[in-house]
Structure formats: C-alpha cells, structure tokens
Amino acid sequence: MNNEATEQRTHPTLLLLARVWRTLSVPIGAVLLAAGIGAIILVVSDASPLAAYAALIEGSFGTAEALRNTMEKATPLVFSGLAVAFAFKAGLFNIGAQGQLLFGAIVSAFIGFSVKGLPFFIHAPLALLGGAAAGAFYGAIPGALKTFTGAHEVITTIMLNFIAINMTDFLADGPWKDPSNIFARTPKILDSAVIPSLGDVPAGFLISLGMAVVVWWLLWRTTLGFEIRTVGTNPHAARYAGIRVARTVVLTMALSGILAGLGGAVETQGVVGRFQPGFNSGLGFDGITIALLAKTHPFGVIPAALLVGAMKAGTSKMQFEAGVAPEITDVIQALILFFVAADVIVRWILRTRRAAGEEQVTLSTGWGSQ
C-alpha cells in the first residue's frame, strides 16, 4: 500500500521510467549475468574475455558487411521468436516452430525452382505465401490435436519436429533433389523468386520488422487478439464469456505456424537460395530464447533476435582472433535463457519487483487442458 501511494505522488514521467525499468530489468540483467559467467568460463579456458567480447562485437557490428550478416542471421530469428511469442499469448508453448520453419523453407524452395515464367512481383510473393501456408498447416495440426483429443502441444510439437526434419531430408535427397549435385539439396531457386537487398539492408529483415508490427496490431488492436489473450489468461473465463476456445487455439497455432513458415521462406529466398538440410538447424528452437527474452512482446522480439543474431554472426571472428571455442556462445545463450526463465534470481540480485500490469510468461496450460 505504501508503494502504491508513493507511485501516485511520483511525477508521471518518473513513474513511466520506473515501470519501463522494472519491465526491462530482467532481460538486461539476464544478458549481463550471462556475459559475466561467460567471462569466467573464458578465463578458465585460457582466453581473454575482453578480447573475446571485442571480437564478437566487431564481427557482428564493426563493419557494414558484419552488420548485414547480423541482420541476415537475425531475420529468421525474428520470425521464429514472433511465432513462439504469439502462441504464448494464448497460453500455448509452440516448440514446433522448428518443424514449421523447415516446411516453410522447403515449400518455398520448391515453388522457387519449379514454377517458371513468372515475373518477380508474382513469383517471390507466391513462394513466400507457399512457405507461410506450409507453416500454417503444420502449426494447425498440434492445435487440432490439443482441441479434439487433449494431446498436449509440447509433446505433439516435439514429435512433429522430428517428422519435419526427416520429411524435408527425404524431399531434399529424393523427389526434389538437385540432379546436378551429389549433396542432398534442392535446385537453386530462380532469380525471379529471390528476395533482394536494399543496399546493405536485407529486404527479408525489413519484412520481419513489418511482421512484428502486424503481430502487435493483431494482438492489441483487434477482436481476435483480445480473444487470444483472454484464452491465454483464463480459458474457462473465456469460454464463459462466449469465446470459442477450441477455434481460438487452432487458429493461434496456425497463425504461429505462418510466422515460422515465413521465417523459413525468407531464409530460403533471401539468404541460402535453395533448401539444404542443416542450414536451418536450430532457428526454430532459438525462437524460444528470443520470445522469453522479449517477454513475449512483438517489439521486444526484434532486439532479442538482433542480440542472438549478433552472437551467431560474431562467433567466427571471436573464434579466430581470441581463440574461443564456438560452443561458448551457445553456453552464453543458454545462460540467458536460464536467467530469463528463472527471473526470480535476476530480480533478487537487482532488487526489483514486477511492474504494474506486467505479464508473467506462462509456458503452458496443464496437461490435457483446453
């Protein structure tokens, strides 16, 4: 009660800044704590933390080429982070973003190399829509299973990831394989399906920024977004209020799949130029880290994805110039996820409390609940 009275007497600007700090303190604290523990690991590994982190920053932001590489690395991560964060809003834990991304990537590649004679302004969007549709279909499956059978989305999406990995491997090494190459990969997509760059900025990155705005608008400015957030808060109250919970769950997972599928399509059309097994490995799983680091907010996904993208882009320079094993960045990323998920540790160290109205991430509803 004393804290509330104090806040009411505080200047509105200071009050706003205090709330923003309480919201951002956990993600920022998690990154700093992970970097600190990473420095200890580097010292134990006979490497200089200052030299390692300097090389990491230079390799990710030091030049125009490095910045472009960071944006390319971050682009599919923005999509996968949005996919996971979007599902979180309905109380769903979409671990299947990896499988949805893979299907989006390979369907986009198939449309990109097999459909001929189309101009760029038709072919490129068509391939993007194909990837989005593949992701939507694959995302709707666990949503339907949860709704109609009670199967938990965590289990079904994990299993569907394995199916997606093996199915896309089969297609890339079977009916959709490049006959001119011994490796398992599809033919190169046609120039009319390639997403270009605008100077030093990949167009795919701009598309991902636009999708973050679309997701924000959908969640906070539409009736559907209100229904999704209500179901995520309390599905029983949502059902009592007349919201069709089953439809909302399936639709949320399908829309989440669209975002992941778009991430795979943009990676195919804007970076790789074809589908090749292993090139998209882990991008969907990184979305979990990004969504948690962003506190499941669409706009928070962008800096979180840039952070992880920078770590991926600068790893090679850190490895060659500072003699650091590339696995160190994976350890730091895992530590960030740990501290964000166990935010009570960070809050205890920083002595902060939750901001008024701040959402607490709920990874999933109970087993078999709808």
Protein backbone atom coordinates (compact mmCIF):
# COMPACT_ATOMS: atom_id res chain seq x y z
CA MET A 1 0.00 0.00 0.00
CA ASN A 2 2.88 2.38 0.81
CA ASN A 3 4.50 1.58 -2.56
CA GLU A 4 1.23 2.38 -4.39
CA ALA A 5 0.86 5.68 -2.50
CA THR A 6 4.44 6.60 -3.32
CA GLU A 7 3.86 5.85 -7.01
CA GLN A 8 0.78 8.04 -7.04
CA ARG A 9 2.79 11.02 -5.69
CA THR A 10 5.62 10.47 -8.20
CA HIS A 11 5.87 12.54 -11.37
CA PRO A 12 4.24 10.69 -14.31
CA THR A 13 7.46 10.69 -16.35
CA LEU A 14 9.48 9.21 -13.49
CA LEU A 15 6.73 6.71 -12.85
CA LEU A 16 6.79 5.65 -16.51
CA LEU A 17 10.57 5.29 -16.46
CA ALA A 18 10.37 3.21 -13.29
CA ARG A 19 7.84 0.87 -14.85
CA VAL A 20 9.91 0.57 -18.03
CA TRP A 21 12.97 -0.28 -15.95
CA ARG A 22 11.11 -2.94 -13.97
CA THR A 23 9.95 -4.46 -17.26
CA LEU A 24 13.37 -4.38 -18.95
CA SER A 25 15.49 -5.15 -15.90
CA VAL A 26 15.14 -8.92 -16.18
CA PRO A 27 16.14 -9.22 -19.87
CA ILE A 28 19.00 -6.76 -19.43
CA GLY A 29 20.09 -8.38 -16.17
CA ALA A 30 19.92 -11.83 -17.76
CA VAL A 31 22.22 -10.75 -20.60
CA LEU A 32 24.71 -9.10 -18.22
CA LEU A 33 24.75 -12.06 -15.83
CA ALA A 34 25.21 -14.49 -18.72
CA ALA A 35 28.05 -12.35 -20.09
CA GLY A 36 29.65 -12.26 -16.64
CA ILE A 37 29.52 -16.03 -16.19
CA GLY A 38 30.69 -16.39 -19.79
CA ALA A 39 33.71 -14.25 -18.91
CA ILE A 40 34.55 -16.62 -16.07
CA ILE A 41 34.28 -19.58 -18.45
CA LEU A 42 36.58 -17.77 -20.90
CA VAL A 43 39.17 -17.17 -18.19
CA VAL A 44 39.05 -20.84 -17.21
CA SER A 45 39.52 -21.68 -20.91
CA ASP A 46 42.69 -19.53 -21.02
CA ALA A 47 41.05 -16.87 -23.19
CA SER A 48 40.75 -13.13 -22.61
CA PRO A 49 37.14 -12.07 -22.01
CA LEU A 50 37.84 -8.52 -23.20
CA ALA A 51 39.45 -9.72 -26.42
CA ALA A 52 36.70 -12.29 -26.97
CA TYR A 53 33.82 -9.86 -26.48
CA ALA A 54 35.60 -7.16 -28.51
CA ALA A 55 35.99 -9.61 -31.40
CA LEU A 56 32.35 -10.65 -31.02
CA ILE A 57 31.16 -7.03 -31.25
CA GLU A 58 33.48 -6.25 -34.16
CA GLY A 59 32.39 -9.38 -36.02
CA SER A 60 28.72 -8.52 -35.64
CA PHE A 61 28.58 -4.70 -35.81
CA GLY A 62 32.10 -3.49 -36.71
CA THR A 63 31.62 -3.11 -40.48
CA ALA A 64 28.78 -2.71 -42.95
CA GLU A 65 29.28 -6.31 -44.05
CA ALA A 66 29.24 -7.51 -40.43
CA LEU A 67 26.04 -5.58 -39.73
CA ARG A 68 24.45 -7.03 -42.84
CA ASN A 69 25.45 -10.52 -41.72
CA THR A 70 23.92 -9.85 -38.30
CA MET A 71 20.65 -8.75 -39.87
CA GLU A 72 20.62 -11.85 -42.08
CA LYS A 73 21.18 -14.06 -39.05
CA ALA A 74 18.51 -12.20 -37.09
CA THR A 75 15.81 -12.29 -39.79
CA PRO A 76 14.60 -15.90 -39.36
CA LEU A 77 15.06 -15.48 -35.60
CA VAL A 78 12.59 -12.56 -35.58
CA PHE A 79 10.04 -14.79 -37.32
CA SER A 80 10.59 -17.79 -35.04
CA GLY A 81 10.57 -15.53 -31.97
CA LEU A 82 7.28 -13.99 -33.11
CA ALA A 83 5.86 -17.47 -33.71
CA VAL A 84 6.67 -18.65 -30.19
CA ALA A 85 5.64 -15.35 -28.57
CA PHE A 86 2.32 -15.32 -30.45
CA ALA A 87 1.45 -18.82 -29.24
CA PHE A 88 2.43 -17.82 -25.68
CA LYS A 89 -0.30 -15.18 -25.72
CA ALA A 90 -2.89 -17.97 -25.93
CA GLY A 91 -1.15 -19.99 -23.22
CA LEU A 92 0.38 -22.35 -25.78
CA PHE A 93 4.01 -23.47 -25.91
CA ASN A 94 4.87 -23.91 -29.59
CA ILE A 95 8.08 -25.90 -29.56
CA GLY A 96 7.25 -26.90 -33.14
CA ALA A 97 8.45 -23.66 -34.73
CA GLN A 98 11.50 -25.57 -35.99
CA GLY A 99 9.40 -28.05 -37.95
CA GLN A 100 7.08 -25.33 -39.26
CA LEU A 101 10.10 -23.30 -40.35
CA LEU A 102 11.61 -26.29 -42.18
CA PHE A 103 8.44 -26.99 -44.13
CA GLY A 104 8.11 -23.31 -44.96
CA ALA A 105 11.70 -23.28 -46.22
CA ILE A 106 11.42 -26.34 -48.43
CA VAL A 107 7.99 -25.50 -49.91
CA SER A 108 9.27 -22.02 -50.70
CA ALA A 109 12.30 -23.58 -52.39
CA PHE A 110 10.09 -25.94 -54.41
CA ILE A 111 7.95 -23.06 -55.69
CA GLY A 112 11.10 -21.05 -56.29
CA PHE A 113 12.79 -23.58 -58.59
CA SER A 114 9.83 -25.38 -60.18
CA VAL A 115 7.44 -22.56 -61.14
CA LYS A 116 8.86 -20.88 -64.25
CA GLY A 117 7.90 -17.93 -66.39
CA LEU A 118 6.58 -15.66 -63.63
CA PRO A 119 7.78 -12.10 -63.02
CA PHE A 120 9.44 -11.21 -59.73
CA PHE A 121 6.45 -9.36 -58.27
CA ILE A 122 4.38 -12.55 -58.59
CA HIS A 123 6.94 -15.33 -58.15
CA ALA A 124 8.65 -14.07 -54.96
CA PRO A 125 5.39 -13.37 -53.08
CA LEU A 126 3.97 -16.70 -54.30
CA ALA A 127 6.94 -18.58 -52.84
CA LEU A 128 6.57 -16.63 -49.58
CA LEU A 129 2.86 -17.46 -49.41
CA GLY A 130 3.65 -21.12 -50.11
CA GLY A 131 6.06 -21.21 -47.18
CA ALA A 132 3.53 -19.44 -44.95
CA ALA A 133 0.77 -21.89 -45.96
CA ALA A 134 3.03 -24.88 -45.23
CA GLY A 135 3.84 -23.47 -41.80
CA ALA A 136 0.17 -22.75 -41.10
CA PHE A 137 -0.87 -26.30 -41.99
CA TYR A 138 1.88 -27.84 -39.87
CA GLY A 139 1.11 -25.49 -36.97
CA ALA A 140 -2.62 -26.22 -37.07
CA ILE A 141 -2.02 -29.94 -36.53
CA PRO A 142 -0.94 -29.72 -32.84
CA GLY A 143 -3.66 -27.12 -32.27
CA ALA A 144 -6.30 -29.51 -33.59
CA LEU A 145 -4.84 -32.42 -31.62
CA LYS A 146 -4.96 -30.38 -28.42
CA THR A 147 -8.51 -29.23 -29.08
CA PHE A 148 -10.09 -32.51 -30.12
CA THR A 149 -8.02 -35.13 -28.29
CA GLY A 150 -6.47 -33.23 -25.35
CA ALA A 151 -2.95 -34.05 -26.57
CA HIS A 152 -0.54 -31.52 -25.12
CA GLU A 153 1.11 -29.22 -27.66
CA VAL A 154 4.55 -29.63 -26.08
CA ILE A 155 4.56 -33.37 -26.80
CA THR A 156 2.95 -33.19 -30.24
CA THR A 157 5.15 -30.35 -31.49
CA ILE A 158 8.30 -32.16 -30.36
CA MET A 159 7.24 -35.26 -32.29
CA LEU A 160 6.20 -33.19 -35.30
CA ASN A 161 9.66 -31.60 -35.34
CA PHE A 162 11.25 -35.00 -35.89
CA ILE A 163 8.75 -35.78 -38.65
CA ALA A 164 9.53 -32.44 -40.33
CA ILE A 165 13.29 -32.98 -40.14
CA ASN A 166 13.07 -36.42 -41.73
CA MET A 167 10.44 -35.45 -44.30
CA THR A 168 12.40 -32.43 -45.53
CA ASP A 169 15.60 -34.50 -45.61
CA PHE A 170 13.78 -37.09 -47.74
CA LEU A 171 12.42 -34.47 -50.15
CA ALA A 172 15.80 -32.75 -50.49
CA ASP A 173 17.52 -36.08 -51.16
CA GLY A 174 14.66 -37.60 -53.16
CA PRO A 175 12.00 -36.16 -55.46
CA TRP A 176 13.11 -32.51 -55.04
CA LYS A 177 16.86 -33.17 -55.14
CA ASP A 178 19.16 -31.19 -57.40
CA PRO A 179 20.14 -33.81 -60.03
CA SER A 180 23.37 -31.98 -60.83
CA ASN A 181 24.78 -32.38 -57.32
CA ILE A 182 25.65 -35.30 -55.09
CA PHE A 183 24.60 -33.46 -51.93
CA ALA A 184 21.08 -33.63 -50.51
CA ARG A 185 19.66 -30.27 -51.52
CA THR A 186 17.10 -28.77 -53.85
CA PRO A 187 17.99 -26.94 -57.07
CA LYS A 188 18.77 -23.25 -56.79
CA ILE A 189 15.68 -21.07 -56.87
CA LEU A 190 15.10 -18.89 -59.94
CA ASP A 191 16.18 -15.27 -59.90
CA SER A 192 12.52 -14.23 -60.05
CA ALA A 193 11.96 -15.80 -56.62
CA VAL A 194 14.99 -14.26 -54.91
CA ILE A 195 14.33 -11.61 -52.24
CA PRO A 196 16.88 -8.85 -52.92
CA SER A 197 18.70 -6.50 -50.62
CA LEU A 198 18.09 -2.78 -50.39
CA GLY A 199 21.64 -1.54 -50.29
CA ASP A 200 23.26 -3.11 -47.23
CA VAL A 201 19.92 -3.97 -45.65
CA PRO A 202 18.41 -7.38 -46.48
CA ALA A 203 14.79 -6.96 -47.62
CA GLY A 204 13.89 -10.02 -45.56
CA PHE A 205 14.88 -8.16 -42.41
CA LEU A 206 12.52 -5.32 -43.32
CA ILE A 207 9.76 -7.88 -43.89
CA SER A 208 10.38 -9.30 -40.43
CA LEU A 209 10.10 -5.82 -38.90
CA GLY A 210 6.81 -5.33 -40.72
CA MET A 211 5.51 -8.65 -39.39
CA ALA A 212 6.35 -7.58 -35.83
CA VAL A 213 4.12 -4.53 -36.33
CA VAL A 214 1.36 -6.73 -37.80
CA VAL A 215 1.53 -9.14 -34.84
CA TRP A 216 1.38 -6.23 -32.37
CA TRP A 217 -1.63 -4.75 -34.18
CA LEU A 218 -3.36 -8.13 -34.34
CA LEU A 219 -2.87 -8.83 -30.64
CA TRP A 220 -3.75 -5.41 -29.20
CA ARG A 221 -5.95 -3.75 -31.80
CA THR A 222 -8.33 -6.48 -32.99
CA THR A 223 -11.11 -8.58 -31.51
CA LEU A 224 -9.22 -11.76 -32.43
CA GLY A 225 -6.19 -10.55 -30.48
CA PHE A 226 -8.36 -9.84 -27.45
CA GLU A 227 -9.81 -13.35 -27.67
CA ILE A 228 -6.33 -14.89 -27.96
CA ARG A 229 -5.05 -13.00 -24.91
CA THR A 230 -8.20 -13.83 -22.94
CA VAL A 231 -7.85 -17.54 -23.69
CA GLY A 232 -4.22 -17.35 -22.60
CA THR A 233 -5.16 -15.66 -19.34
CA ASN A 234 -8.09 -17.90 -18.39
CA PRO A 235 -9.63 -20.30 -20.93
CA HIS A 236 -12.54 -21.14 -18.61
CA ALA A 237 -13.49 -17.48 -18.20
CA ALA A 238 -13.06 -17.01 -21.95
CA ARG A 239 -15.46 -19.87 -22.64
CA TYR A 240 -17.95 -18.44 -20.14
CA ALA A 241 -17.71 -15.08 -21.93
CA GLY A 242 -18.72 -16.71 -25.21
CA ILE A 243 -15.30 -17.01 -26.82
CA ARG A 244 -14.89 -20.16 -28.89
CA VAL A 245 -11.79 -21.51 -27.17
CA ALA A 246 -11.30 -24.50 -29.47
CA ARG A 247 -11.36 -22.34 -32.59
CA THR A 248 -9.01 -19.82 -30.98
CA VAL A 249 -6.46 -22.49 -30.04
CA VAL A 250 -6.35 -23.98 -33.55
CA LEU A 251 -6.24 -20.55 -35.19
CA THR A 252 -3.49 -19.34 -32.87
CA MET A 253 -1.30 -22.33 -33.65
CA ALA A 254 -1.96 -21.90 -37.38
CA LEU A 255 -1.02 -18.20 -37.23
CA SER A 256 2.06 -19.10 -35.20
CA GLY A 257 2.93 -21.60 -37.91
CA ILE A 258 2.54 -18.90 -40.58
CA LEU A 259 5.16 -16.79 -38.82
CA ALA A 260 7.59 -19.70 -38.53
CA GLY A 261 6.95 -20.78 -42.13
CA LEU A 262 7.62 -17.24 -43.34
CA GLY A 263 10.92 -17.33 -41.47
CA GLY A 264 11.94 -20.44 -43.38
CA ALA A 265 10.77 -18.98 -46.69
CA VAL A 266 12.70 -15.73 -46.19
CA GLU A 267 15.81 -17.70 -45.26
CA THR A 268 15.49 -19.74 -48.46
CA GLN A 269 14.70 -16.82 -50.78
CA GLY A 270 16.90 -14.18 -49.19
CA VAL A 271 19.98 -15.99 -47.89
CA VAL A 272 20.53 -19.63 -48.90
CA GLY A 273 18.88 -19.61 -52.34
CA ARG A 274 17.76 -23.22 -52.01
CA PHE A 275 16.83 -25.70 -49.30
CA GLN A 276 19.69 -27.73 -47.88
CA PRO A 277 19.35 -29.89 -44.74
CA GLY A 278 21.24 -28.45 -41.80
CA PHE A 279 21.27 -24.83 -43.00
CA ASN A 280 18.15 -24.05 -40.96
CA SER A 281 19.10 -26.13 -37.95
CA GLY A 282 18.11 -24.67 -34.59
CA LEU A 283 16.47 -21.50 -35.88
CA GLY A 284 13.05 -22.52 -34.59
CA PHE A 285 14.40 -23.56 -31.21
CA ASP A 286 16.21 -20.23 -30.85
CA GLY A 287 12.77 -18.64 -31.08
CA ILE A 288 12.05 -19.90 -27.56
CA THR A 289 15.03 -17.99 -26.16
CA ILE A 290 14.08 -14.88 -28.12
CA ALA A 291 10.41 -14.96 -27.10
CA LEU A 292 11.31 -15.30 -23.42
CA LEU A 293 13.99 -12.62 -23.62
CA ALA A 294 11.42 -10.32 -25.27
CA LYS A 295 8.89 -11.06 -22.52
CA THR A 296 6.67 -12.31 -25.40
CA HIS A 297 6.17 -8.78 -26.73
CA PRO A 298 6.38 -8.49 -30.56
CA PHE A 299 8.53 -5.36 -30.45
CA GLY A 300 10.82 -6.92 -27.84
CA VAL A 301 11.47 -9.79 -30.25
CA ILE A 302 13.44 -7.50 -32.59
CA PRO A 303 16.32 -6.51 -30.23
CA ALA A 304 16.33 -10.03 -28.76
CA ALA A 305 16.74 -11.53 -32.25
CA LEU A 306 19.44 -8.99 -33.11
CA LEU A 307 21.30 -9.98 -29.94
CA VAL A 308 21.23 -13.68 -30.78
CA GLY A 309 21.94 -12.92 -34.44
CA ALA A 310 24.96 -10.85 -33.43
CA MET A 311 26.24 -13.72 -31.31
CA LYS A 312 25.93 -16.05 -34.29
CA ALA A 313 27.48 -13.56 -36.72
CA GLY A 314 30.43 -12.71 -34.49
CA THR A 315 31.26 -16.24 -33.36
CA SER A 316 33.76 -16.97 -36.15
CA LYS A 317 35.73 -13.77 -35.55
CA MET A 318 35.75 -14.43 -31.81
CA GLN A 319 36.97 -17.95 -32.52
CA PHE A 320 39.83 -16.94 -34.84
CA GLU A 321 41.01 -13.74 -33.14
CA ALA A 322 40.55 -14.71 -29.48
CA GLY A 323 40.91 -18.48 -29.74
CA VAL A 324 37.48 -19.13 -28.28
CA ALA A 325 35.53 -22.31 -28.96
CA PRO A 326 32.27 -21.55 -30.83
CA GLU A 327 30.34 -23.52 -28.21
CA ILE A 328 30.96 -20.68 -25.75
CA THR A 329 28.30 -18.55 -27.46
CA ASP A 330 25.85 -21.44 -27.12
CA VAL A 331 26.63 -21.59 -23.40
CA ILE A 332 26.04 -17.82 -23.04
CA GLN A 333 22.77 -18.12 -24.96
CA ALA A 334 21.68 -20.97 -22.69
CA LEU A 335 22.57 -18.89 -19.62
CA ILE A 336 20.46 -16.01 -20.93
CA LEU A 337 17.51 -18.37 -21.33
CA PHE A 338 18.07 -19.74 -17.83
CA PHE A 339 18.13 -16.33 -16.17
CA VAL A 340 15.10 -15.09 -18.11
CA ALA A 341 13.11 -18.21 -17.25
CA ALA A 342 14.23 -18.10 -13.60
CA ASP A 343 13.63 -14.37 -13.34
CA VAL A 344 13.35 -14.53 -9.56
CA ILE A 345 17.15 -14.84 -9.45
CA VAL A 346 17.65 -11.70 -11.52
CA ARG A 347 15.01 -9.77 -9.56
CA TRP A 348 16.63 -10.77 -6.29
CA ILE A 349 20.04 -9.55 -7.49
CA LEU A 350 18.64 -6.30 -8.91
CA ARG A 351 16.15 -5.88 -6.04
CA THR A 352 13.28 -5.13 -8.44
CA ARG A 353 9.64 -6.15 -8.41
CA ARG A 354 7.18 -6.68 -11.23
CA ALA A 355 5.80 -3.62 -12.92
CA ALA A 356 2.09 -2.98 -12.54
CA GLY A 357 0.31 -4.82 -15.33
CA GLU A 358 3.45 -6.67 -16.42
CA GLU A 359 2.68 -10.06 -17.91
CA GLN A 360 4.24 -13.13 -16.40
CA VAL A 361 5.08 -15.69 -19.06
CA THR A 362 3.14 -18.90 -18.63
CA LEU A 363 4.86 -21.60 -20.61
CA SER A 364 1.79 -23.78 -20.95
CA THR A 365 -1.50 -24.75 -19.52
CA GLY A 366 -1.96 -28.03 -17.68
CA TRP A 367 -1.62 -31.38 -19.38
CA GLY A 368 -4.65 -32.16 -21.45
CA SER A 369 -6.38 -28.86 -20.71
CA GLN A 370 -8.20 -27.00 -23.47
